[in-house]
Amino acid sequence: MLCLHQAIYGLKQAALAWWKQLTKSMKILGFKQLTADAGVFIYLKDNETVIVIIYIDNTLFIGKNKLLVNKLKSDFIKH
């Protein structure tokens, strides 16, 4: 978990630091990042699939199993 002791908004490195933490968190949650599109992550487990699309500051969780989608979304928010 990343804890900031001071704001990094406005710094050139802020976006990169945010992106690195995001991809690290997604891997911890069990998602794999697509090589064709870095903003798309896929969770595959027990014949269940959840797709997460991240674009700028918007996040979209997609999946058939609503309970799993909500759990992964909740875990994502905690990170």
N, C-alpha and C. Protein backbone atom coordinates (compact mmCIF):
# COMPACT_ATOMS: atom_id res chain seq x y z
N MET A 1 0.85 -1.17 0.00
CA MET A 1 0.00 0.00 0.00
C MET A 1 0.89 1.23 0.00
N LEU A 2 0.53 2.21 -0.79
CA LEU A 2 1.30 3.43 -0.92
C LEU A 2 0.70 4.51 -0.05
N CYS A 3 1.48 5.05 0.85
CA CYS A 3 1.04 6.16 1.70
C CYS A 3 1.86 7.38 1.36
N LEU A 4 1.21 8.44 1.00
CA LEU A 4 1.91 9.67 0.67
C LEU A 4 2.03 10.55 1.90
N HIS A 5 3.21 11.07 2.10
CA HIS A 5 3.44 11.99 3.21
C HIS A 5 3.25 13.43 2.75
N GLN A 6 3.23 13.63 1.46
CA GLN A 6 2.96 14.95 0.92
C GLN A 6 2.34 14.79 -0.46
N ALA A 7 1.64 15.78 -0.89
CA ALA A 7 0.96 15.72 -2.19
C ALA A 7 1.97 15.72 -3.32
N ILE A 8 1.68 14.93 -4.36
CA ILE A 8 2.57 14.93 -5.52
C ILE A 8 1.88 15.49 -6.75
N TYR A 9 0.68 16.04 -6.55
CA TYR A 9 -0.04 16.60 -7.68
C TYR A 9 0.74 17.76 -8.27
N GLY A 10 0.77 17.82 -9.57
CA GLY A 10 1.48 18.89 -10.25
C GLY A 10 2.90 18.51 -10.62
N LEU A 11 3.42 17.46 -10.02
CA LEU A 11 4.75 17.01 -10.37
C LEU A 11 4.70 16.17 -11.64
N LYS A 12 5.74 16.22 -12.43
CA LYS A 12 5.75 15.45 -13.67
C LYS A 12 5.72 13.95 -13.41
N GLN A 13 6.24 13.53 -12.27
CA GLN A 13 6.29 12.11 -11.95
C GLN A 13 5.00 11.58 -11.33
N ALA A 14 4.05 12.45 -11.02
CA ALA A 14 2.83 12.04 -10.32
C ALA A 14 2.05 10.97 -11.10
N ALA A 15 1.87 11.18 -12.39
CA ALA A 15 1.10 10.23 -13.20
C ALA A 15 1.79 8.87 -13.26
N LEU A 16 3.10 8.88 -13.40
CA LEU A 16 3.85 7.62 -13.46
C LEU A 16 3.79 6.89 -12.13
N ALA A 17 3.93 7.61 -11.03
CA ALA A 17 3.85 6.99 -9.70
C ALA A 17 2.47 6.40 -9.47
N TRP A 18 1.43 7.11 -9.90
CA TRP A 18 0.05 6.62 -9.78
C TRP A 18 -0.13 5.35 -10.60
N TRP A 19 0.37 5.35 -11.83
CA TRP A 19 0.22 4.20 -12.72
C TRP A 19 0.97 2.98 -12.20
N LYS A 20 2.17 3.19 -11.69
CA LYS A 20 2.93 2.06 -11.15
C LYS A 20 2.21 1.44 -9.95
N GLN A 21 1.66 2.27 -9.08
CA GLN A 21 0.93 1.76 -7.92
C GLN A 21 -0.35 1.03 -8.36
N LEU A 22 -1.02 1.57 -9.36
CA LEU A 22 -2.23 0.94 -9.88
C LEU A 22 -1.94 -0.45 -10.44
N THR A 23 -0.94 -0.57 -11.29
CA THR A 23 -0.62 -1.87 -11.89
C THR A 23 -0.16 -2.87 -10.83
N LYS A 24 0.57 -2.39 -9.84
CA LYS A 24 1.01 -3.26 -8.74
C LYS A 24 -0.20 -3.77 -7.95
N SER A 25 -1.14 -2.89 -7.66
CA SER A 25 -2.35 -3.27 -6.93
C SER A 25 -3.19 -4.27 -7.72
N MET A 26 -3.30 -4.07 -9.01
CA MET A 26 -4.10 -4.98 -9.84
C MET A 26 -3.47 -6.37 -9.86
N LYS A 27 -2.15 -6.46 -9.91
CA LYS A 27 -1.47 -7.75 -9.88
C LYS A 27 -1.70 -8.45 -8.55
N ILE A 28 -1.66 -7.69 -7.45
CA ILE A 28 -1.91 -8.25 -6.13
C ILE A 28 -3.32 -8.84 -6.06
N LEU A 29 -4.28 -8.18 -6.72
CA LEU A 29 -5.66 -8.64 -6.71
C LEU A 29 -5.91 -9.82 -7.66
N GLY A 30 -4.90 -10.18 -8.46
CA GLY A 30 -5.02 -11.34 -9.34
C GLY A 30 -5.34 -11.02 -10.79
N PHE A 31 -5.25 -9.76 -11.16
CA PHE A 31 -5.52 -9.35 -12.54
C PHE A 31 -4.25 -9.45 -13.38
N LYS A 32 -4.44 -9.71 -14.65
CA LYS A 32 -3.34 -9.69 -15.61
C LYS A 32 -3.58 -8.54 -16.58
N GLN A 33 -2.53 -7.82 -16.89
CA GLN A 33 -2.61 -6.66 -17.77
C GLN A 33 -2.44 -7.11 -19.22
N LEU A 34 -3.29 -6.62 -20.10
CA LEU A 34 -3.16 -6.95 -21.52
C LEU A 34 -1.93 -6.24 -22.09
N THR A 35 -1.25 -6.92 -22.99
CA THR A 35 -0.10 -6.29 -23.63
C THR A 35 -0.56 -5.37 -24.78
N ALA A 36 -1.70 -5.70 -25.37
CA ALA A 36 -2.22 -4.90 -26.48
C ALA A 36 -2.78 -3.56 -26.03
N ASP A 37 -3.30 -3.51 -24.81
CA ASP A 37 -3.87 -2.26 -24.27
C ASP A 37 -3.57 -2.23 -22.77
N ALA A 38 -2.67 -1.36 -22.38
CA ALA A 38 -2.19 -1.31 -20.99
C ALA A 38 -3.28 -0.94 -20.00
N GLY A 39 -4.38 -0.36 -20.45
CA GLY A 39 -5.45 0.05 -19.56
C GLY A 39 -6.52 -1.00 -19.34
N VAL A 40 -6.28 -2.22 -19.84
CA VAL A 40 -7.26 -3.30 -19.69
C VAL A 40 -6.63 -4.42 -18.86
N PHE A 41 -7.35 -4.83 -17.83
CA PHE A 41 -6.90 -5.90 -16.94
C PHE A 41 -7.96 -6.99 -16.92
N ILE A 42 -7.51 -8.26 -16.86
CA ILE A 42 -8.43 -9.39 -16.87
C ILE A 42 -8.17 -10.27 -15.66
N TYR A 43 -9.26 -10.67 -15.02
CA TYR A 43 -9.23 -11.59 -13.88
C TYR A 43 -9.88 -12.89 -14.33
N LEU A 44 -9.13 -13.98 -14.30
CA LEU A 44 -9.65 -15.29 -14.70
C LEU A 44 -9.42 -16.26 -13.55
N LYS A 45 -10.52 -16.82 -13.00
CA LYS A 45 -10.39 -17.80 -11.92
C LYS A 45 -11.69 -18.59 -11.82
N ASP A 46 -11.57 -19.90 -11.75
CA ASP A 46 -12.72 -20.79 -11.60
C ASP A 46 -13.81 -20.50 -12.63
N ASN A 47 -13.45 -20.41 -13.89
CA ASN A 47 -14.38 -20.15 -14.99
C ASN A 47 -15.13 -18.83 -14.85
N GLU A 48 -14.61 -17.93 -14.07
CA GLU A 48 -15.19 -16.59 -13.91
C GLU A 48 -14.23 -15.58 -14.54
N THR A 49 -14.78 -14.61 -15.22
CA THR A 49 -13.97 -13.58 -15.86
C THR A 49 -14.49 -12.22 -15.45
N VAL A 50 -13.56 -11.36 -15.07
CA VAL A 50 -13.87 -9.96 -14.79
C VAL A 50 -12.88 -9.12 -15.58
N ILE A 51 -13.40 -8.16 -16.29
CA ILE A 51 -12.57 -7.25 -17.09
C ILE A 51 -12.65 -5.87 -16.46
N VAL A 52 -11.49 -5.24 -16.31
CA VAL A 52 -11.43 -3.88 -15.79
C VAL A 52 -10.78 -3.01 -16.84
N ILE A 53 -11.45 -1.91 -17.16
CA ILE A 53 -10.93 -0.94 -18.12
C ILE A 53 -10.65 0.34 -17.36
N ILE A 54 -9.42 0.83 -17.49
CA ILE A 54 -9.03 2.07 -16.81
C ILE A 54 -8.62 3.07 -17.87
N TYR A 55 -9.27 4.22 -17.84
CA TYR A 55 -8.98 5.28 -18.79
C TYR A 55 -8.93 6.60 -18.02
N ILE A 56 -7.77 7.18 -17.97
CA ILE A 56 -7.48 8.41 -17.24
C ILE A 56 -7.86 8.22 -15.77
N ASP A 57 -8.98 8.75 -15.32
CA ASP A 57 -9.36 8.56 -13.92
C ASP A 57 -10.71 7.84 -13.80
N ASN A 58 -11.10 7.13 -14.84
CA ASN A 58 -12.35 6.36 -14.84
C ASN A 58 -12.03 4.87 -14.84
N THR A 59 -12.81 4.12 -14.08
CA THR A 59 -12.60 2.67 -13.99
C THR A 59 -13.94 1.97 -14.22
N LEU A 60 -13.93 0.94 -15.07
CA LEU A 60 -15.13 0.19 -15.39
C LEU A 60 -14.86 -1.29 -15.11
N PHE A 61 -15.67 -1.89 -14.24
CA PHE A 61 -15.60 -3.31 -13.93
C PHE A 61 -16.72 -4.01 -14.67
N ILE A 62 -16.40 -5.10 -15.40
CA ILE A 62 -17.37 -5.83 -16.20
C ILE A 62 -17.25 -7.32 -15.89
N GLY A 63 -18.39 -7.98 -15.67
CA GLY A 63 -18.38 -9.42 -15.45
C GLY A 63 -19.79 -9.94 -15.27
N LYS A 64 -19.97 -11.24 -15.48
CA LYS A 64 -21.30 -11.86 -15.34
C LYS A 64 -21.68 -12.08 -13.88
N ASN A 65 -20.70 -12.41 -13.05
CA ASN A 65 -20.96 -12.70 -11.64
C ASN A 65 -20.90 -11.38 -10.85
N LYS A 66 -22.07 -10.87 -10.52
CA LYS A 66 -22.16 -9.56 -9.86
C LYS A 66 -21.48 -9.56 -8.49
N LEU A 67 -21.61 -10.66 -7.75
CA LEU A 67 -20.97 -10.75 -6.44
C LEU A 67 -19.45 -10.66 -6.55
N LEU A 68 -18.88 -11.38 -7.51
CA LEU A 68 -17.44 -11.35 -7.72
C LEU A 68 -16.99 -9.97 -8.17
N VAL A 69 -17.73 -9.37 -9.09
CA VAL A 69 -17.39 -8.02 -9.57
C VAL A 69 -17.39 -7.04 -8.41
N ASN A 70 -18.42 -7.09 -7.57
CA ASN A 70 -18.50 -6.18 -6.42
C ASN A 70 -17.37 -6.42 -5.42
N LYS A 71 -17.00 -7.70 -5.21
CA LYS A 71 -15.91 -8.02 -4.29
C LYS A 71 -14.60 -7.46 -4.81
N LEU A 72 -14.31 -7.71 -6.09
CA LEU A 72 -13.07 -7.21 -6.68
C LEU A 72 -13.04 -5.68 -6.70
N LYS A 73 -14.17 -5.08 -6.96
CA LYS A 73 -14.27 -3.62 -6.95
C LYS A 73 -14.00 -3.08 -5.55
N SER A 74 -14.56 -3.72 -4.55
CA SER A 74 -14.33 -3.32 -3.16
C SER A 74 -12.86 -3.46 -2.78
N ASP A 75 -12.26 -4.59 -3.17
CA ASP A 75 -10.83 -4.81 -2.89
C ASP A 75 -9.98 -3.76 -3.61
N PHE A 76 -10.36 -3.44 -4.83
CA PHE A 76 -9.64 -2.43 -5.59
C PHE A 76 -9.68 -1.07 -4.89
N ILE A 77 -10.83 -0.71 -4.38
CA ILE A 77 -10.99 0.57 -3.69
C ILE A 77 -10.13 0.62 -2.43
N LYS A 78 -10.01 -0.52 -1.73
CA LYS A 78 -9.18 -0.57 -0.53
C LYS A 78 -7.71 -0.31 -0.83
N HIS A 79 -7.27 -0.77 -2.01
CA HIS A 79 -5.87 -0.57 -2.40
C HIS A 79 -5.68 0.86 -2.86
